[in-house]
Amino acid sequence: MSTWRVGSHQLRAMAARRRARTDRRDRVARPRTGAARAECAVDQRSWHRRDTRPPRTGELMKIGIIGAGNIGGNLTRRLTALGHEVSVANSRGPATLTALAEETGATPVTVAEAARGARIVVVTVPFKNIPDLPAGLFDGAADGFSVIDTGNYYPQQRDGRIAGVEDEGLTESRWTERHLGHPVIKAFNGTFAQDIVERPLPAGSADRIALPVAGDDETAKAAVRALIDELGFDTVDAGGLDDSWRQQPDTPVYGLRDGVDGRPAGVPREVPPRRQCHIPISA
């Protein structure tokens, strides 16, 4: 089998030829021989270097992301790459999001503006900062919008002691839901942020990671699960919001990189004692 050796001058010539071809049908019909076959091979190798992630399969929508840390930033990158219209906000204001906006094409907005017109709103801010979010946070959101809560409670490293969780026994997302005043779906809280951009796979792939998703609103949960599938991950229905302790820190599911078949064995049957030290993996 021969090996194609292509010099830099040939690559430039190939690029010029590609730009000149505006009729796709003509390109398909033209026989791929000689330099054209080399050009095709270079194109294929370049494509695999650029992006091997699954293509967008769902309906385009407007999505608001409140929080531009590790999880929020990488969700912005992936969702804009899939073609969604993303508005992103943080506590420091739109001017601090210029670089992320230039990289992704997302629209930097204030926190109060992030949900406007959005069908899905992602709240991904430090747990202790939830009560500081402005009133009317979801004003102007699309009818039937869903809210994703990615948060975790880290009392030692960041959040301090929160009575609603420690004394009242609320799950972390139930506490968040009460402050937000809108039903939430818990997802991505145990996901390594870099996996969002580095480990998505097409549906049916053997090594596809499955994420637990918990919430009381079945319609909202279905919408969130569909979006996660589009992002390149399987999902497991982890029950209602009061069951979401099963995916909180200090449980076997938290941070688990496994497929659907590996999730049931990792779900604890009893509430674990809260440890003194959590290892944050998302923010």
Protein backbone atom coordinates (compact mmCIF):
# COMPACT_ATOMS: atom_id res chain seq x y z
CA MET A 1 0.00 0.00 0.00
CA SER A 2 1.43 3.37 -0.99
CA THR A 3 1.78 6.26 1.48
CA TRP A 4 0.78 9.77 0.44
CA ARG A 5 3.44 12.37 1.19
CA VAL A 6 2.08 15.90 1.04
CA GLY A 7 4.31 18.99 1.30
CA SER A 8 3.28 22.37 2.68
CA HIS A 9 3.02 23.89 -0.83
CA GLN A 10 0.69 21.07 -1.84
CA LEU A 11 -1.45 21.61 1.25
CA ARG A 12 -1.81 25.28 0.37
CA ALA A 13 -2.81 24.36 -3.15
CA MET A 14 -5.32 21.85 -1.84
CA ALA A 15 -6.85 24.46 0.47
CA ALA A 16 -7.21 26.83 -2.47
CA ARG A 17 -8.91 24.14 -4.52
CA ARG A 18 -11.32 23.38 -1.67
CA ARG A 19 -12.31 27.04 -1.38
CA ALA A 20 -12.87 27.25 -5.11
CA ARG A 21 -15.30 24.34 -5.16
CA THR A 22 -18.69 25.76 -4.23
CA ASP A 23 -20.85 23.08 -5.83
CA ARG A 24 -21.01 20.12 -3.47
CA ARG A 25 -22.63 17.83 -6.04
CA ASP A 26 -19.79 18.47 -8.44
CA ARG A 27 -17.28 17.56 -5.72
CA VAL A 28 -19.06 14.29 -5.02
CA ALA A 29 -19.27 13.36 -8.69
CA ARG A 30 -15.63 14.17 -9.51
CA PRO A 31 -13.40 11.04 -9.42
CA ARG A 32 -11.02 11.03 -6.47
CA THR A 33 -7.75 10.17 -8.12
CA GLY A 34 -4.19 11.35 -7.69
CA ALA A 35 -3.90 14.60 -5.73
CA ALA A 36 -7.65 14.61 -5.07
CA ARG A 37 -7.36 11.34 -3.14
CA ALA A 38 -4.46 12.79 -1.15
CA GLU A 39 -6.56 15.86 -0.44
CA CYS A 40 -9.39 13.68 0.82
CA ALA A 41 -7.02 11.75 3.09
CA VAL A 42 -5.62 14.98 4.55
CA ASP A 43 -9.14 16.26 5.13
CA GLN A 44 -10.11 13.06 6.96
CA ARG A 45 -7.05 13.13 9.21
CA SER A 46 -7.65 16.82 9.96
CA TRP A 47 -11.30 16.12 10.86
CA HIS A 48 -10.32 13.45 13.37
CA ARG A 49 -7.86 15.83 14.98
CA ARG A 50 -10.47 18.59 15.16
CA ASP A 51 -13.49 16.89 16.68
CA THR A 52 -14.58 13.31 17.26
CA ARG A 53 -17.52 14.22 19.49
CA PRO A 54 -21.07 13.18 18.61
CA PRO A 55 -23.03 15.57 16.38
CA ARG A 56 -26.02 17.53 17.58
CA THR A 57 -29.20 15.46 17.45
CA GLY A 58 -31.78 17.48 19.42
CA GLU A 59 -33.80 20.61 18.78
CA LEU A 60 -31.99 23.94 18.96
CA MET A 61 -33.04 26.07 21.91
CA LYS A 62 -32.06 29.02 24.02
CA ILE A 63 -30.20 28.06 27.19
CA GLY A 64 -29.21 30.28 30.09
CA ILE A 65 -26.19 29.43 32.24
CA ILE A 66 -25.75 31.15 35.59
CA GLY A 67 -22.19 30.56 36.69
CA ALA A 68 -19.12 30.39 34.46
CA GLY A 69 -16.77 28.25 36.53
CA ASN A 70 -15.52 24.81 35.54
CA ILE A 71 -18.91 23.23 34.91
CA GLY A 72 -20.63 26.35 33.58
CA GLY A 73 -17.74 27.22 31.27
CA ASN A 74 -17.51 23.77 29.74
CA LEU A 75 -21.27 23.47 29.32
CA THR A 76 -21.12 26.81 27.51
CA ARG A 77 -18.43 25.42 25.21
CA ARG A 78 -20.29 22.23 24.38
CA LEU A 79 -23.77 23.71 24.04
CA THR A 80 -22.65 26.48 21.70
CA ALA A 81 -20.68 23.92 19.67
CA LEU A 82 -23.95 22.01 19.25
CA GLY A 83 -25.63 25.13 17.89
CA HIS A 84 -27.69 26.23 20.89
CA GLU A 85 -28.12 29.90 21.69
CA VAL A 86 -26.42 30.33 25.04
CA SER A 87 -26.51 33.27 27.43
CA VAL A 88 -23.95 33.05 30.22
CA ALA A 89 -23.65 35.07 33.41
CA ASN A 90 -21.49 35.22 36.50
CA SER A 91 -21.38 37.26 39.69
CA ARG A 92 -18.74 39.67 38.35
CA GLY A 93 -20.64 40.91 35.32
CA PRO A 94 -20.60 40.47 31.52
CA ALA A 95 -17.33 42.36 31.04
CA THR A 96 -15.46 39.50 32.74
CA LEU A 97 -16.86 36.97 30.26
CA THR A 98 -15.40 38.50 27.11
CA ALA A 99 -12.86 35.75 26.55
CA LEU A 100 -15.42 32.95 26.97
CA ALA A 101 -17.84 34.79 24.67
CA GLU A 102 -15.18 35.23 21.98
CA GLU A 103 -14.18 31.58 22.26
CA THR A 104 -17.70 30.15 22.10
CA GLY A 105 -20.06 32.72 20.58
CA ALA A 106 -22.17 32.75 23.75
CA THR A 107 -23.77 36.00 24.84
CA PRO A 108 -22.46 37.42 28.13
CA VAL A 109 -25.29 38.86 30.24
CA THR A 110 -26.09 39.83 33.80
CA VAL A 111 -27.42 37.20 36.17
CA ALA A 112 -30.84 38.84 36.04
CA GLU A 113 -30.90 38.49 32.24
CA ALA A 114 -29.61 34.93 31.86
CA ALA A 115 -32.97 33.14 31.93
CA ARG A 116 -34.80 35.43 29.50
CA GLY A 117 -36.31 33.34 26.73
CA ALA A 118 -34.48 30.22 27.93
CA ARG A 119 -36.07 26.79 27.79
CA ILE A 120 -33.38 25.38 30.06
CA VAL A 121 -31.58 27.33 32.77
CA VAL A 122 -28.45 25.91 34.39
CA VAL A 123 -27.67 27.15 37.89
CA THR A 124 -24.05 26.31 38.60
CA VAL A 125 -22.85 28.61 41.38
CA PRO A 126 -21.25 27.79 44.75
CA PHE A 127 -23.81 26.29 47.11
CA LYS A 128 -23.48 29.04 49.70
CA ASN A 129 -24.22 31.70 47.06
CA ILE A 130 -27.65 30.37 46.09
CA PRO A 131 -29.49 32.68 48.54
CA ASP A 132 -27.66 35.67 47.04
CA LEU A 133 -29.16 35.18 43.58
CA PRO A 134 -31.53 38.02 42.69
CA ALA A 135 -35.30 37.87 43.08
CA GLY A 136 -37.11 37.27 39.81
CA LEU A 137 -34.22 35.18 38.56
CA PHE A 138 -36.43 33.34 36.08
CA ASP A 139 -38.53 36.27 34.92
CA GLY A 140 -38.96 36.11 31.15
CA ALA A 141 -37.98 32.45 30.81
CA ALA A 142 -39.80 30.40 28.17
CA ASP A 143 -43.06 28.68 29.11
CA GLY A 144 -42.41 25.30 30.71
CA PHE A 145 -38.70 26.00 31.24
CA SER A 146 -36.53 23.56 33.19
CA VAL A 147 -33.85 24.35 35.76
CA ILE A 148 -30.72 22.25 36.19
CA ASP A 149 -28.97 22.38 39.55
CA THR A 150 -25.33 21.25 39.41
CA GLY A 151 -24.44 22.23 42.96
CA ASN A 152 -22.75 20.42 45.83
CA TYR A 153 -22.45 21.28 49.51
CA TYR A 154 -18.83 21.49 50.67
CA PRO A 155 -19.03 22.64 54.31
CA GLN A 156 -15.32 22.41 55.13
CA GLN A 157 -13.74 23.80 51.98
CA ARG A 158 -16.16 26.52 50.95
CA ASP A 159 -19.75 26.72 52.16
CA GLY A 160 -19.65 26.63 55.94
CA ARG A 161 -22.45 25.06 57.94
CA ILE A 162 -25.93 25.31 56.38
CA ALA A 163 -28.70 24.52 58.83
CA GLY A 164 -31.27 23.45 56.25
CA VAL A 165 -29.03 20.58 55.20
CA GLU A 166 -27.41 19.73 58.54
CA ASP A 167 -30.38 20.19 60.90
CA GLU A 168 -33.49 19.84 58.76
CA GLY A 169 -32.11 16.96 56.74
CA LEU A 170 -32.94 18.50 53.36
CA THR A 171 -31.16 17.11 50.34
CA GLU A 172 -28.85 19.67 48.82
CA SER A 173 -31.01 20.22 45.76
CA ARG A 174 -34.20 20.46 47.82
CA TRP A 175 -32.55 23.27 49.79
CA THR A 176 -31.56 24.93 46.51
CA GLU A 177 -35.05 24.51 45.09
CA ARG A 178 -36.61 26.23 48.10
CA HIS A 179 -34.36 29.24 47.65
CA LEU A 180 -34.89 29.44 43.90
CA GLY A 181 -38.66 29.07 44.15
CA HIS A 182 -38.83 26.76 41.14
CA PRO A 183 -38.50 22.98 40.70
CA VAL A 184 -34.98 21.86 39.87
CA ILE A 185 -33.43 18.82 38.25
CA LYS A 186 -30.17 17.68 39.81
CA ALA A 187 -27.54 16.75 37.23
CA PHE A 188 -23.81 17.20 36.53
CA ASN A 189 -23.04 17.58 40.24
CA GLY A 190 -20.80 14.51 40.24
CA THR A 191 -19.37 15.07 36.78
CA PHE A 192 -15.73 15.99 36.30
CA ALA A 193 -15.83 19.28 34.43
CA GLN A 194 -13.24 18.24 31.86
CA ASP A 195 -15.26 15.14 30.97
CA ILE A 196 -17.94 17.41 29.52
CA VAL A 197 -15.61 18.44 26.71
CA GLU A 198 -13.29 15.42 26.55
CA ARG A 199 -15.46 12.33 27.05
CA PRO A 200 -18.76 12.66 25.18
CA LEU A 201 -19.56 9.71 22.94
CA PRO A 202 -22.35 8.82 20.49
CA ALA A 203 -25.35 6.88 21.80
CA GLY A 204 -24.66 3.16 21.98
CA SER A 205 -20.91 3.51 22.54
CA ALA A 206 -19.57 0.89 24.93
CA ASP A 207 -17.64 3.37 27.08
CA ARG A 208 -20.30 6.08 27.23
CA ILE A 209 -20.55 7.62 30.71
CA ALA A 210 -23.96 7.68 32.39
CA LEU A 211 -25.02 10.57 34.63
CA PRO A 212 -27.63 10.30 37.40
CA VAL A 213 -30.54 12.74 37.05
CA ALA A 214 -32.98 13.40 39.90
CA GLY A 215 -36.09 15.56 40.12
CA ASP A 216 -39.81 15.60 40.80
CA ASP A 217 -41.01 17.17 37.54
CA GLU A 218 -41.04 14.33 35.02
CA THR A 219 -41.44 16.63 32.03
CA ALA A 220 -38.49 18.75 33.07
CA LYS A 221 -36.46 15.64 33.84
CA ALA A 222 -37.16 14.27 30.37
CA ALA A 223 -36.01 17.55 28.79
CA VAL A 224 -32.79 17.52 30.81
CA ARG A 225 -32.09 13.87 30.02
CA ALA A 226 -32.58 14.56 26.31
CA LEU A 227 -30.09 17.44 26.49
CA ILE A 228 -27.54 15.29 28.31
CA ASP A 229 -27.93 12.60 25.64
CA GLU A 230 -27.27 15.25 23.01
CA LEU A 231 -24.15 16.30 24.91
CA GLY A 232 -22.85 12.75 24.56
CA PHE A 233 -23.75 11.00 27.82
CA ASP A 234 -26.28 8.40 28.94
CA THR A 235 -28.52 9.06 31.92
CA VAL A 236 -30.00 7.11 34.82
CA ASP A 237 -33.24 8.21 36.45
CA ALA A 238 -32.18 8.66 40.07
CA GLY A 239 -35.71 9.28 41.35
CA GLY A 240 -37.24 12.36 42.93
CA LEU A 241 -35.41 15.26 44.52
CA ASP A 242 -35.66 13.71 47.99
CA ASP A 243 -33.78 10.73 46.56
CA SER A 244 -31.00 12.93 45.19
CA TRP A 245 -28.82 12.32 48.27
CA ARG A 246 -27.80 9.17 46.41
CA GLN A 247 -25.65 11.29 44.07
CA GLN A 248 -24.36 13.80 46.61
CA PRO A 249 -20.72 13.90 47.77
CA ASP A 250 -19.58 10.91 49.87
CA THR A 251 -21.72 8.44 47.93
CA PRO A 252 -20.39 5.78 45.53
CA VAL A 253 -22.13 7.47 42.60
CA TYR A 254 -20.42 10.82 43.13
CA GLY A 255 -17.63 11.15 40.57
CA LEU A 256 -18.32 7.70 39.13
CA ARG A 257 -17.22 7.32 35.52
CA ASP A 258 -19.28 4.35 34.46
CA GLY A 259 -22.03 3.35 32.07
CA VAL A 260 -25.68 2.64 32.70
CA ASP A 261 -24.99 -0.93 33.82
CA GLY A 262 -22.50 0.26 36.43
CA ARG A 263 -24.81 2.77 38.08
CA PRO A 264 -27.30 0.57 39.97
CA ALA A 265 -24.54 -1.20 41.91
CA GLY A 266 -23.12 2.18 42.87
CA VAL A 267 -26.33 3.57 44.35
CA PRO A 268 -26.23 3.33 48.15
CA ARG A 269 -29.31 2.04 49.96
CA GLU A 270 -28.85 4.08 53.11
CA VAL A 271 -27.94 7.70 53.70
CA PRO A 272 -24.19 7.80 54.41
CA PRO A 273 -22.84 9.79 57.36
CA ARG A 274 -21.61 13.21 56.30
CA ARG A 275 -17.85 13.25 56.30
CA GLN A 276 -15.76 16.15 57.48
CA CYS A 277 -13.98 16.56 54.16
CA HIS A 278 -15.42 16.55 50.67
CA ILE A 279 -13.39 16.51 47.49
CA PRO A 280 -14.89 19.12 45.18
CA ILE A 281 -15.01 18.07 41.54
CA SER A 282 -17.44 20.66 40.19
CA ALA A 283 -18.13 24.29 40.82
